[in-house]
Amino acid sequence: MSTAANSKAIEAGQIWDFPGGIHPPQRKELSNQTPIAKLPLANTYVVPVKQHAGAPAELCVSVGEQVLRGQPLTRAGVSLGLPVHAPTSGTVTSIGPGRIAHPSGMTDVVVRIEADGNDTPAPPQPLPDYRQAARADVLERLRNAGIAGLGGAGFPTAQKLALQRPIDYLIINGIECEPYISADDRLMREHAATILDGAAILMHLADAKKALIAIEDNKPEAIAAMKAELTDYPNMSLRIVPTKYPSGGEKQLIQLLTGRQVPSKGLPIDIGLLMQNVGTAYAVSRAIRQGEPLIERVVTVTGEAVEKPGNYWVRLGTPVAEVLHHTGFQQSDPAQRIIMGGPMMGFTLPDTDVPVVKITNCLLLPSVQELAPAQHEMNCIRCGACADVCPAQLLPQQLQWLAKAKDYDGLEGQNLFDCIECGACAYVCPSEIPLVHYYRKAKAEIRTLAREKAKAEVARERFEARQVRLEREKEERLERHRKAAEARKKAQAEQVKAGGDNPQDAVQAAIARAKARKAAQQKAAAEQPSSHEDNNE
């Protein structure tokens, strides 16, 4: 399809399709029936300094310091990391290693804050008329507010907007295709106006002329709420897409809405598109209009094992145990899992001391009967079902074999990093093979090797640069000595030419004087009487 025909089809509202995909049970009714509630303040908060993709920011608080709600705990610094902020007022009690929300249960630097119960805010710095401000200043405000993508990747929003390339469409992603999760659904129902205001700010910063608001057809209330507010935004259009998992994936949604395909290892901006989550758009509006940093988000708490399923405003840094306490969860069976995220892309938490972070959209608490524990992995029967449902058109079976063999070159050749880890392959696997686990592990190993290779390359370059410097210094030293010797010879030659003493004669004279002095010393010693002769006299 030509570019003109494609644009015409997009304007007409055409919806395309993407390959693969599955239709798991939605189970969203467990949590989407009641308005978003506010979780009470915790006594202690654990704030990881890195909650985004990229380098961490630099600490700017110390142990014992009193902090206010919304006060920065870190600053961008030379690494241009994204700041994190105090979720409430209180005292910094420690800074150091702490368990974070990660499938491996790894630790990272966290700031622990003992709340004082007052929730005293830092003075806000709103920018109501953002159109009159310089684009760089607005982006800096988003960066200082700690805004990152809330759809899952956690990429810094200001950094994403700073790319200077033409944008045809801004896409606001309200799909939320994973089962159980309804945080974005309730946010669209209750805060449609704020989301669209944030979308307008994003359009302004991206210099996009039009925006597409995408929602799955299983969210009629959210569709109605957004449609009612869109009358004030003539440059924004609503797109309702069929329910299919993972239609909320970035590349999949782009293909659904535009028919365009993001190239392998490419970005949406390469084809004139930019995507942001509805939660991100909401946070952008609050950061610019009210001057509020990102210190809380909507989290779905759901599953048959929780007494009060629903959606909650949760401060970032709140321990998961605190959330479970207020929502009525009691772990009665050791096999019962606590999953951060949904059943497809989430991971089982090692314990409940880990904190809620910027990309935490769900805490899933299923009963053992509702979501059975992982079964024993069996041998692949080569049925091909995994390949049929892969939305990225990869070969999951081949990727698993290569991952087990640690054939990293082969994995790169099979486009491992095009895998979005949606879990569709594992969902349909009759042999209970945890395919995504293999892919995640292989990706981590490849990234580690790449970092080590980069370090080794830097070390090699430094060594070679040192060797070049030493060789240059040696040559310069030898050249100085050569020039000095030539200068001495030249001076001696000029002295001879001027009729002065022959240098060779001077040398011979010095030798003769030395010999004479030595002979005199020997003669004097021979003439001196011995001490024995003196005593006889």
Protein backbone atom coordinates (compact mmCIF):
# COMPACT_ATOMS: atom_id res chain seq x y z
CA MET A 1 0.00 0.00 0.00
CA SER A 2 1.34 3.44 -0.91
CA THR A 3 1.95 6.05 1.78
CA ALA A 4 -0.99 8.15 0.58
CA ALA A 5 -3.33 5.14 0.51
CA ASN A 6 -2.14 4.06 3.97
CA SER A 7 -2.78 7.52 5.42
CA LYS A 8 -6.23 7.59 3.84
CA ALA A 9 -7.07 4.18 5.34
CA ILE A 10 -5.88 5.32 8.79
CA GLU A 11 -8.04 8.45 8.58
CA ALA A 12 -11.02 6.30 7.61
CA GLY A 13 -10.57 4.31 10.82
CA GLN A 14 -9.52 1.01 9.24
CA ILE A 15 -8.38 -1.66 11.70
CA TRP A 16 -5.81 -4.18 10.47
CA ASP A 17 -4.70 -7.41 12.19
CA PHE A 18 -1.47 -8.90 13.44
CA PRO A 19 -0.35 -12.53 13.22
CA GLY A 20 -0.81 -15.01 16.04
CA GLY A 21 -2.36 -14.06 19.35
CA ILE A 22 -4.64 -15.90 21.77
CA HIS A 23 -7.95 -15.41 23.60
CA PRO A 24 -7.46 -16.34 27.27
CA PRO A 25 -10.29 -15.82 29.81
CA GLN A 26 -10.41 -12.12 30.71
CA ARG A 27 -11.44 -12.28 34.42
CA LYS A 28 -11.47 -8.46 34.60
CA GLU A 29 -14.86 -8.38 36.32
CA LEU A 30 -13.16 -9.30 39.60
CA SER A 31 -11.62 -5.84 39.90
CA ASN A 32 -13.32 -3.39 37.53
CA GLN A 33 -16.71 -3.09 39.24
CA THR A 34 -15.83 -0.48 41.87
CA PRO A 35 -14.20 2.99 41.66
CA ILE A 36 -10.50 3.43 42.34
CA ALA A 37 -9.90 3.55 46.10
CA LYS A 38 -7.05 5.22 47.96
CA LEU A 39 -4.77 2.99 49.98
CA PRO A 40 -3.95 4.33 53.49
CA LEU A 41 -0.44 5.64 54.12
CA ALA A 42 2.14 3.08 55.17
CA ASN A 43 4.48 3.52 58.14
CA THR A 44 7.59 2.73 56.09
CA TYR A 45 8.37 3.17 52.40
CA VAL A 46 11.12 1.49 50.39
CA VAL A 47 11.97 3.53 47.28
CA PRO A 48 14.36 1.92 44.75
CA VAL A 49 16.53 4.60 43.12
CA LYS A 50 16.13 2.92 39.72
CA GLN A 51 12.56 2.36 38.53
CA HIS A 52 13.02 3.01 34.82
CA ALA A 53 14.91 1.82 31.77
CA GLY A 54 18.41 3.31 31.72
CA ALA A 55 20.99 4.49 34.22
CA PRO A 56 19.98 5.34 37.81
CA ALA A 57 20.03 8.94 38.99
CA GLU A 58 22.35 10.28 41.70
CA LEU A 59 21.32 10.34 45.36
CA CYS A 60 20.69 13.79 46.78
CA VAL A 61 19.52 12.90 50.32
CA SER A 62 21.31 11.38 53.29
CA VAL A 63 20.39 9.21 56.27
CA GLY A 64 18.61 11.20 58.98
CA GLU A 65 17.34 13.87 56.59
CA GLN A 66 13.74 15.06 56.82
CA VAL A 67 11.94 14.91 53.46
CA LEU A 68 8.60 16.21 52.18
CA ARG A 69 6.09 14.46 49.93
CA GLY A 70 7.26 14.86 46.35
CA GLN A 71 10.79 15.93 47.30
CA PRO A 72 13.45 14.47 44.98
CA LEU A 73 15.51 11.67 46.48
CA THR A 74 17.75 11.53 43.42
CA ARG A 75 18.71 13.96 40.64
CA ALA A 76 19.56 13.34 37.00
CA GLY A 77 23.27 14.17 37.27
CA VAL A 78 25.78 13.24 34.57
CA SER A 79 24.04 9.90 33.93
CA LEU A 80 20.78 11.68 33.00
CA GLY A 81 18.92 9.12 35.11
CA LEU A 82 15.28 9.64 36.00
CA PRO A 83 14.67 11.03 39.51
CA VAL A 84 12.56 9.32 42.17
CA HIS A 85 10.69 11.23 44.87
CA ALA A 86 9.60 10.80 48.45
CA PRO A 87 6.09 9.24 48.49
CA THR A 88 5.28 11.02 51.77
CA SER A 89 6.91 13.22 54.38
CA GLY A 90 9.17 11.61 56.94
CA THR A 91 12.76 10.71 57.79
CA VAL A 92 15.31 8.86 55.67
CA THR A 93 16.32 5.96 57.91
CA SER A 94 18.70 4.09 55.62
CA ILE A 95 20.16 4.00 52.13
CA GLY A 96 21.55 0.73 50.83
CA PRO A 97 20.80 -2.66 49.29
CA GLY A 98 17.22 -3.89 49.37
CA ARG A 99 15.10 -6.49 47.59
CA ILE A 100 13.37 -5.05 44.53
CA ALA A 101 10.57 -6.18 42.21
CA HIS A 102 12.46 -8.45 39.84
CA PRO A 103 11.95 -12.08 38.73
CA SER A 104 15.38 -13.02 40.10
CA GLY A 105 14.78 -11.49 43.53
CA MET A 106 17.84 -9.29 43.04
CA THR A 107 18.77 -6.38 45.28
CA ASP A 108 19.49 -2.77 44.40
CA VAL A 109 19.99 0.54 46.17
CA VAL A 110 16.83 1.66 48.01
CA VAL A 111 15.94 4.64 50.19
CA ARG A 112 13.92 3.75 53.30
CA ILE A 113 11.65 6.45 54.69
CA GLU A 114 9.87 6.38 58.04
CA ALA A 115 6.61 8.30 57.51
CA ASP A 116 5.71 11.04 60.00
CA GLY A 117 1.99 10.71 59.29
CA ASN A 118 1.60 14.36 58.23
CA ASP A 119 2.04 13.79 54.47
CA THR A 120 3.41 17.34 54.16
CA PRO A 121 3.94 18.24 50.48
CA ALA A 122 6.89 20.01 48.92
CA PRO A 123 5.87 23.26 47.17
CA PRO A 124 4.49 22.36 43.71
CA GLN A 125 5.71 24.07 40.56
CA PRO A 126 2.86 23.97 38.02
CA LEU A 127 3.13 25.20 34.44
CA PRO A 128 -0.48 25.89 33.39
CA ASP A 129 0.36 27.62 30.10
CA TYR A 130 2.87 25.13 28.77
CA ARG A 131 2.46 26.35 25.18
CA GLN A 132 4.18 29.63 26.08
CA ALA A 133 7.20 27.83 27.54
CA ALA A 134 10.20 26.56 25.59
CA ARG A 135 9.92 22.92 24.55
CA ALA A 136 13.19 22.10 26.33
CA ASP A 137 11.84 23.57 29.59
CA VAL A 138 8.66 21.46 29.43
CA LEU A 139 10.69 18.32 28.74
CA GLU A 140 12.94 19.18 31.68
CA ARG A 141 9.89 19.46 33.93
CA LEU A 142 8.72 16.00 32.86
CA ARG A 143 12.19 14.63 33.53
CA ASN A 144 12.38 16.27 36.95
CA ALA A 145 8.91 14.90 37.75
CA GLY A 146 10.23 11.37 37.17
CA ILE A 147 7.69 10.51 34.47
CA ALA A 148 8.32 7.11 32.88
CA GLY A 149 6.16 4.91 30.71
CA LEU A 150 3.58 3.24 32.94
CA GLY A 151 2.61 0.59 30.41
CA GLY A 152 5.39 -1.78 31.43
CA ALA A 153 8.71 -0.77 29.85
CA GLY A 154 9.37 2.22 32.12
CA PHE A 155 11.21 4.21 29.44
CA PRO A 156 11.76 7.87 30.46
CA THR A 157 9.02 9.91 28.78
CA ALA A 158 11.08 13.07 28.25
CA GLN A 159 13.83 11.06 26.59
CA LYS A 160 11.31 9.43 24.27
CA LEU A 161 9.85 12.82 23.32
CA ALA A 162 13.28 14.41 22.82
CA LEU A 163 13.92 12.45 19.62
CA GLN A 164 13.74 14.98 16.80
CA ARG A 165 11.96 13.17 13.98
CA PRO A 166 8.69 13.83 12.12
CA ILE A 167 5.65 12.25 13.81
CA ASP A 168 2.54 11.33 11.83
CA TYR A 169 0.48 10.05 14.76
CA LEU A 170 0.69 9.93 18.51
CA ILE A 171 -0.93 6.70 19.75
CA ILE A 172 -2.42 6.64 23.27
CA ASN A 173 -2.54 3.01 24.37
CA GLY A 174 -5.61 2.13 26.44
CA ILE A 175 -5.77 -1.51 25.32
CA GLU A 176 -4.79 -3.26 28.59
CA CYS A 177 -5.12 -6.68 26.98
CA GLU A 178 -3.69 -8.91 29.73
CA PRO A 179 -6.27 -10.87 31.75
CA TYR A 180 -7.29 -9.70 35.25
CA ILE A 181 -5.74 -6.21 34.97
CA SER A 182 -8.17 -3.26 34.92
CA ALA A 183 -6.09 -0.29 36.18
CA ASP A 184 -6.17 1.56 32.86
CA ASP A 185 -9.85 0.70 32.36
CA ARG A 186 -10.87 2.37 35.64
CA LEU A 187 -8.49 5.30 35.03
CA MET A 188 -10.15 5.99 31.66
CA ARG A 189 -13.62 5.74 33.16
CA GLU A 190 -12.86 8.17 36.00
CA HIS A 191 -10.20 10.53 34.58
CA ALA A 192 -10.81 10.72 30.82
CA ALA A 193 -10.45 14.51 30.74
CA THR A 194 -7.06 14.45 32.46
CA ILE A 195 -5.80 11.68 30.17
CA LEU A 196 -6.77 13.63 27.06
CA ASP A 197 -5.21 16.80 28.46
CA GLY A 198 -1.98 14.82 28.94
CA ALA A 199 -2.32 13.51 25.39
CA ALA A 200 -2.58 17.10 24.12
CA ILE A 201 0.62 18.00 25.99
CA LEU A 202 2.35 14.98 24.48
CA MET A 203 1.12 15.97 21.00
CA HIS A 204 2.53 19.46 21.50
CA LEU A 205 5.93 18.16 22.64
CA ALA A 206 6.14 15.56 19.86
CA ASP A 207 4.89 18.06 17.25
CA ALA A 208 2.30 15.47 16.20
CA LYS A 209 -0.67 16.75 14.25
CA LYS A 210 -3.04 13.90 15.15
CA ALA A 211 -3.54 11.34 17.89
CA LEU A 212 -5.23 7.94 17.93
CA ILE A 213 -6.80 6.78 21.21
CA ALA A 214 -6.92 2.96 21.20
CA ILE A 215 -9.23 0.91 23.44
CA GLU A 216 -10.26 -2.76 23.27
CA ASP A 217 -13.94 -3.46 22.66
CA ASN A 218 -14.28 -5.22 26.04
CA LYS A 219 -14.23 -1.84 27.85
CA PRO A 220 -17.55 -0.17 26.91
CA GLU A 221 -17.62 2.20 29.92
CA ALA A 222 -14.11 3.47 29.20
CA ILE A 223 -15.01 3.91 25.53
CA ALA A 224 -18.07 5.97 26.47
CA ALA A 225 -16.12 8.15 28.91
CA MET A 226 -13.34 8.91 26.44
CA LYS A 227 -15.77 9.50 23.57
CA ALA A 228 -17.63 12.10 25.65
CA GLU A 229 -14.44 14.10 26.31
CA LEU A 230 -13.05 13.79 22.77
CA THR A 231 -15.52 16.39 21.48
CA ASP A 232 -13.08 19.04 22.79
CA TYR A 233 -10.16 17.55 20.85
CA PRO A 234 -10.79 17.60 17.09
CA ASN A 235 -7.29 16.31 16.32
CA MET A 236 -7.81 13.11 18.32
CA SER A 237 -9.71 10.05 17.12
CA LEU A 238 -10.97 7.01 19.00
CA ARG A 239 -10.07 3.56 17.67
CA ILE A 240 -11.86 0.50 19.04
CA VAL A 241 -9.99 -2.74 18.39
CA PRO A 242 -11.13 -6.37 18.78
CA THR A 243 -10.19 -8.15 21.99
CA LYS A 244 -7.15 -10.33 21.40
CA TYR A 245 -3.99 -10.88 23.38
CA PRO A 246 -1.40 -9.26 23.02
CA SER A 247 -3.00 -6.41 21.07
CA GLY A 248 -1.58 -3.95 23.62
CA GLY A 249 1.99 -4.73 22.60
CA GLU A 250 3.60 -1.71 20.99
CA LYS A 251 4.37 -3.28 17.62
CA GLN A 252 1.10 -5.21 17.55
CA LEU A 253 -1.04 -2.14 18.28
CA ILE A 254 0.81 -0.12 15.65
CA GLN A 255 0.05 -2.82 13.09
CA LEU A 256 -3.60 -2.89 14.18
CA LEU A 257 -4.09 0.87 13.90
CA THR A 258 -1.90 1.76 10.92
CA GLY A 259 -1.04 -1.42 9.03
CA ARG A 260 2.61 -0.40 9.39
CA GLN A 261 5.27 -2.75 10.74
CA VAL A 262 8.09 -1.59 12.99
CA PRO A 263 11.32 -3.02 11.55
CA SER A 264 13.30 -5.59 13.52
CA LYS A 265 15.46 -3.81 16.11
CA GLY A 266 13.74 -0.59 15.08
CA LEU A 267 11.54 1.91 16.91
CA PRO A 268 8.04 3.24 16.17
CA ILE A 269 9.55 6.66 15.53
CA ASP A 270 11.39 5.13 12.57
CA ILE A 271 8.02 4.89 10.80
CA GLY A 272 6.63 8.20 12.06
CA LEU A 273 4.77 7.00 15.15
CA LEU A 274 5.02 7.55 18.90
CA MET A 275 3.14 5.58 21.57
CA GLN A 276 2.32 6.42 25.19
CA ASN A 277 0.18 4.64 27.77
CA VAL A 278 -3.00 6.25 29.17
CA GLY A 279 -1.44 6.17 32.65
CA THR A 280 1.57 8.05 31.33
CA ALA A 281 -0.68 10.67 29.73
CA TYR A 282 -2.47 11.14 33.06
CA ALA A 283 0.85 11.54 34.90
CA VAL A 284 2.07 14.06 32.29
CA SER A 285 -1.00 16.24 32.81
CA ARG A 286 -0.62 16.16 36.60
CA ALA A 287 3.09 16.98 36.35
CA ILE A 288 2.57 20.00 34.08
CA ARG A 289 -0.77 21.35 35.29
CA GLN A 290 -0.36 20.71 39.04
CA GLY A 291 3.41 20.34 39.32
CA GLU A 292 3.07 16.88 40.86
CA PRO A 293 5.93 14.39 40.49
CA LEU A 294 5.17 10.71 39.91
CA ILE A 295 4.75 9.32 43.42
CA GLU A 296 1.67 7.10 43.03
CA ARG A 297 -0.11 5.01 40.45
CA VAL A 298 -3.23 2.84 40.06
CA VAL A 299 -2.60 -0.81 40.92
CA THR A 300 -5.07 -3.63 40.28
CA VAL A 301 -5.28 -6.02 43.25
CA THR A 302 -7.20 -9.08 42.13
CA GLY A 303 -7.65 -12.83 42.29
CA GLU A 304 -9.90 -15.22 44.18
CA ALA A 305 -7.59 -15.22 47.22
CA VAL A 306 -8.07 -11.54 48.06
CA GLU A 307 -11.09 -10.32 50.03
CA LYS A 308 -11.34 -6.82 48.52
CA PRO A 309 -10.30 -6.98 44.87
CA GLY A 310 -10.28 -3.68 43.04
CA ASN A 311 -8.07 -0.83 41.91
CA TYR A 312 -6.14 1.34 44.34
CA TRP A 313 -4.05 4.49 44.28
CA VAL A 314 -0.79 3.21 45.78
CA ARG A 315 2.21 5.34 46.68
CA LEU A 316 5.43 4.18 45.01
CA GLY A 317 7.66 2.47 47.55
CA THR A 318 4.74 0.92 49.45
CA PRO A 319 5.73 -2.63 50.50
CA VAL A 320 3.57 -5.27 48.85
CA ALA A 321 2.80 -6.67 52.32
CA GLU A 322 1.11 -3.37 53.19
CA VAL A 323 -1.10 -3.54 50.08
CA LEU A 324 -2.08 -7.12 50.84
CA HIS A 325 -2.87 -6.27 54.45
CA HIS A 326 -5.36 -3.54 53.47
CA THR A 327 -6.99 -5.63 50.74
CA GLY A 328 -7.54 -8.69 52.92
CA PHE A 329 -5.14 -11.33 51.65
CA GLN A 330 -4.20 -14.28 53.81
CA GLN A 331 -1.76 -16.84 52.40
CA SER A 332 -3.20 -20.13 53.60
CA ASP A 333 -1.38 -22.46 51.20
CA PRO A 334 2.43 -22.43 50.73
CA ALA A 335 1.87 -23.21 47.03
CA GLN A 336 -0.22 -20.07 46.62
CA ARG A 337 1.55 -17.47 44.50
CA ILE A 338 1.76 -13.70 44.75
CA ILE A 339 2.29 -12.42 41.21
CA MET A 340 3.39 -8.91 40.29
CA GLY A 341 1.78 -8.23 36.92
CA GLY A 342 -0.74 -10.39 35.12
CA PRO A 343 -0.86 -14.16 34.55
CA MET A 344 0.85 -13.88 31.16
CA MET A 345 3.75 -11.46 31.71
CA GLY A 346 3.92 -11.22 35.48
CA PHE A 347 6.34 -12.99 37.81
CA THR A 348 6.06 -14.63 41.21
CA LEU A 349 7.43 -12.50 44.03
CA PRO A 350 10.08 -14.08 46.29
CA ASP A 351 8.50 -12.34 49.31
CA THR A 352 6.15 -9.47 50.15
CA ASP A 353 8.81 -7.02 51.35
CA VAL A 354 9.44 -5.79 47.80
CA PRO A 355 7.96 -2.37 47.02
CA VAL A 356 5.46 -1.15 44.45
CA VAL A 357 7.31 0.72 41.68
CA LYS A 358 6.42 2.80 38.63
CA ILE A 359 5.74 -0.19 36.36
CA THR A 360 3.67 -2.16 38.92
CA ASN A 361 0.20 -2.33 37.37
CA CYS A 362 -1.16 -5.39 39.14
CA LEU A 363 -0.83 -7.70 42.13
CA LEU A 364 -2.47 -11.00 41.24
CA LEU A 365 -3.47 -13.28 44.14
CA PRO A 366 -5.00 -16.39 42.60
CA SER A 367 -6.19 -19.41 44.50
CA VAL A 368 -4.41 -22.69 43.81
CA GLN A 369 -7.51 -23.92 41.98
CA GLU A 370 -7.80 -20.71 39.94
CA LEU A 371 -4.22 -20.63 38.68
CA ALA A 372 -2.46 -23.92 39.20
CA PRO A 373 1.27 -23.93 40.06
CA ALA A 374 3.69 -24.53 37.24
CA GLN A 375 3.84 -28.17 36.21
CA HIS A 376 6.89 -30.28 35.51
CA GLU A 377 8.46 -29.43 32.17
CA MET A 378 8.18 -32.21 29.59
CA ASN A 379 9.91 -32.78 26.28
CA CYS A 380 8.85 -30.75 23.27
CA ILE A 381 6.55 -32.74 20.96
CA ARG A 382 7.15 -30.37 18.02
CA CYS A 383 3.46 -29.56 17.62
CA GLY A 384 4.19 -26.04 16.33
CA ALA A 385 1.45 -24.40 18.40
CA CYS A 386 3.92 -21.89 19.85
CA ALA A 387 4.88 -20.64 16.41
CA ASP A 388 1.23 -20.34 15.38
CA VAL A 389 0.41 -17.91 18.21
CA CYS A 390 3.64 -15.86 18.25
CA PRO A 391 2.67 -12.24 17.43
CA ALA A 392 6.25 -11.45 16.40
CA GLN A 393 6.35 -14.36 13.92
CA LEU A 394 9.34 -15.97 15.61
CA LEU A 395 10.18 -19.66 16.06
CA PRO A 396 9.80 -20.20 19.83
CA GLN A 397 10.85 -23.85 19.71
CA GLN A 398 14.06 -23.01 17.86
CA LEU A 399 14.75 -20.12 20.24
CA GLN A 400 14.41 -22.43 23.23
CA TRP A 401 16.88 -24.95 21.80
CA LEU A 402 19.38 -22.21 21.06
CA ALA A 403 18.90 -20.69 24.53
CA LYS A 404 19.53 -24.05 26.23
CA ALA A 405 22.65 -24.50 24.08
CA LYS A 406 23.79 -20.93 24.88
CA ASP A 407 24.17 -20.31 21.16
CA TYR A 408 24.01 -16.54 21.44
CA ASP A 409 24.95 -15.89 17.82
CA GLY A 410 22.16 -18.21 16.74
CA LEU A 411 19.69 -16.42 19.03
CA GLU A 412 20.65 -13.06 17.55
CA GLY A 413 20.21 -14.55 14.09
CA GLN A 414 16.71 -15.71 15.08
CA ASN A 415 15.83 -12.18 16.31
CA LEU A 416 15.49 -13.10 19.98
CA PHE A 417 15.15 -9.45 20.97
CA ASP A 418 12.03 -9.09 18.82
CA CYS A 419 10.32 -11.32 21.40
CA ILE A 420 8.01 -9.18 23.56
CA GLU A 421 7.77 -11.91 26.26
CA CYS A 422 3.99 -11.95 26.00
CA GLY A 423 3.80 -15.60 27.11
CA ALA A 424 1.41 -16.69 24.37
CA CYS A 425 3.79 -19.52 23.37
CA ALA A 426 4.00 -20.88 26.92
CA TYR A 427 0.22 -20.55 27.31
CA VAL A 428 -0.49 -22.96 24.45
CA CYS A 429 2.44 -25.34 25.05
CA PRO A 430 1.09 -28.84 25.86
CA SER A 431 4.46 -29.82 27.35
CA GLU A 432 4.34 -27.10 30.03
CA ILE A 433 7.66 -25.65 28.83
CA PRO A 434 8.29 -22.21 30.41
CA LEU A 435 9.48 -20.78 27.11
CA VAL A 436 9.58 -17.15 28.21
CA HIS A 437 11.82 -18.10 31.12
CA TYR A 438 14.44 -19.35 28.66
CA TYR A 439 14.15 -16.20 26.56
CA ARG A 440 14.47 -13.84 29.52
CA LYS A 441 17.49 -15.71 30.83
CA ALA A 442 19.16 -15.73 27.40
CA LYS A 443 18.50 -12.01 26.93
CA ALA A 444 20.04 -11.26 30.33
CA GLU A 445 23.10 -13.37 29.50
CA ILE A 446 23.53 -11.68 26.12
CA ARG A 447 23.26 -8.23 27.71
CA THR A 448 25.80 -9.24 30.38
CA LEU A 449 28.21 -10.50 27.73
CA ALA A 450 27.70 -7.32 25.73
CA ARG A 451 28.52 -5.20 28.81
CA GLU A 452 31.62 -7.29 29.54
CA LYS A 453 32.68 -7.07 25.91
CA ALA A 454 32.21 -3.31 25.97
CA LYS A 455 34.28 -3.07 29.17
CA ALA A 456 37.00 -5.26 27.64
CA GLU A 457 36.97 -3.11 24.51
CA VAL A 458 37.35 0.04 26.58
CA ALA A 459 40.20 -1.58 28.53
CA ARG A 460 41.88 -2.66 25.27
CA GLU A 461 41.57 0.84 23.83
CA ARG A 462 43.00 2.33 27.02
CA PHE A 463 45.93 -0.14 26.96
CA GLU A 464 46.64 0.56 23.30
CA ALA A 465 46.39 4.30 23.87
CA ARG A 466 48.87 3.97 26.76
CA GLN A 467 51.26 1.96 24.62
CA VAL A 468 51.06 4.58 21.87
CA ARG A 469 51.67 7.32 24.43
CA LEU A 470 54.67 5.54 25.95
CA GLU A 471 56.15 4.87 22.50
CA ARG A 472 55.61 8.51 21.54
CA GLU A 473 57.25 9.70 24.76
CA LYS A 474 60.19 7.35 24.15
CA GLU A 475 60.64 8.65 20.62
CA GLU A 476 60.40 12.22 21.85
CA ARG A 477 63.01 11.51 24.55
CA LEU A 478 65.40 9.89 22.05
CA GLU A 479 64.87 12.80 19.68
CA ARG A 480 65.75 15.27 22.44
CA HIS A 481 68.93 13.33 23.24
CA ARG A 482 69.87 13.18 19.55
CA LYS A 483 69.35 16.88 19.14
CA ALA A 484 71.37 17.61 22.28
CA ALA A 485 74.27 15.45 21.02
CA GLU A 486 74.18 17.19 17.65
CA ALA A 487 74.20 20.55 19.39
CA ARG A 488 77.28 19.58 21.44
CA LYS A 489 79.12 18.34 18.34
CA LYS A 490 78.20 21.51 16.51
CA ALA A 491 79.48 23.66 19.36
CA GLN A 492 82.75 21.77 19.52
CA ALA A 493 83.20 22.06 15.76
CA GLU A 494 82.59 25.80 15.92
CA GLN A 495 85.14 26.12 18.75
CA VAL A 496 87.81 24.34 16.69
CA LYS A 497 87.01 26.44 13.67
CA ALA A 498 87.40 29.58 15.73
CA GLY A 499 91.00 28.57 16.63
CA GLY A 500 90.32 27.41 20.17
CA ASP A 501 91.89 24.42 21.87
CA ASN A 502 91.45 21.09 20.21
CA PRO A 503 88.94 19.11 22.26
CA GLN A 504 91.12 16.03 21.91
CA ASP A 505 94.09 17.93 23.33
CA ALA A 506 91.96 18.97 26.31
CA VAL A 507 91.08 15.36 26.97
CA GLN A 508 94.73 14.25 26.74
CA ALA A 509 95.76 17.06 29.07
CA ALA A 510 93.15 15.97 31.62
CA ILE A 511 94.45 12.40 31.48
CA ALA A 512 98.04 13.58 31.91
CA ARG A 513 97.09 15.64 34.97
CA ALA A 514 95.35 12.69 36.51
CA LYS A 515 98.42 10.47 35.96
CA ALA A 516 100.75 13.08 37.45
CA ARG A 517 98.55 13.47 40.52
CA LYS A 518 98.50 9.72 41.04
CA ALA A 519 102.31 9.44 40.70
CA ALA A 520 102.80 12.21 43.26
CA GLN A 521 100.54 10.44 45.74
CA GLN A 522 102.48 7.16 45.32
CA LYS A 523 105.86 8.93 45.80
CA ALA A 524 104.67 10.67 48.94
CA ALA A 525 103.49 7.40 50.38
CA ALA A 526 106.85 5.73 49.66
CA GLU A 527 108.89 8.47 51.37
CA GLN A 528 106.78 8.56 54.56
CA PRO A 529 108.36 6.42 57.40
CA SER A 530 106.31 3.56 58.79
CA SER A 531 104.84 3.69 62.29
CA HIS A 532 107.23 0.86 63.42
CA GLU A 533 110.30 2.88 62.47
CA ASP A 534 108.99 5.86 64.42
CA ASN A 535 108.67 3.77 67.58
CA ASN A 536 112.32 2.51 67.32
CA GLU A 537 113.66 6.02 67.22
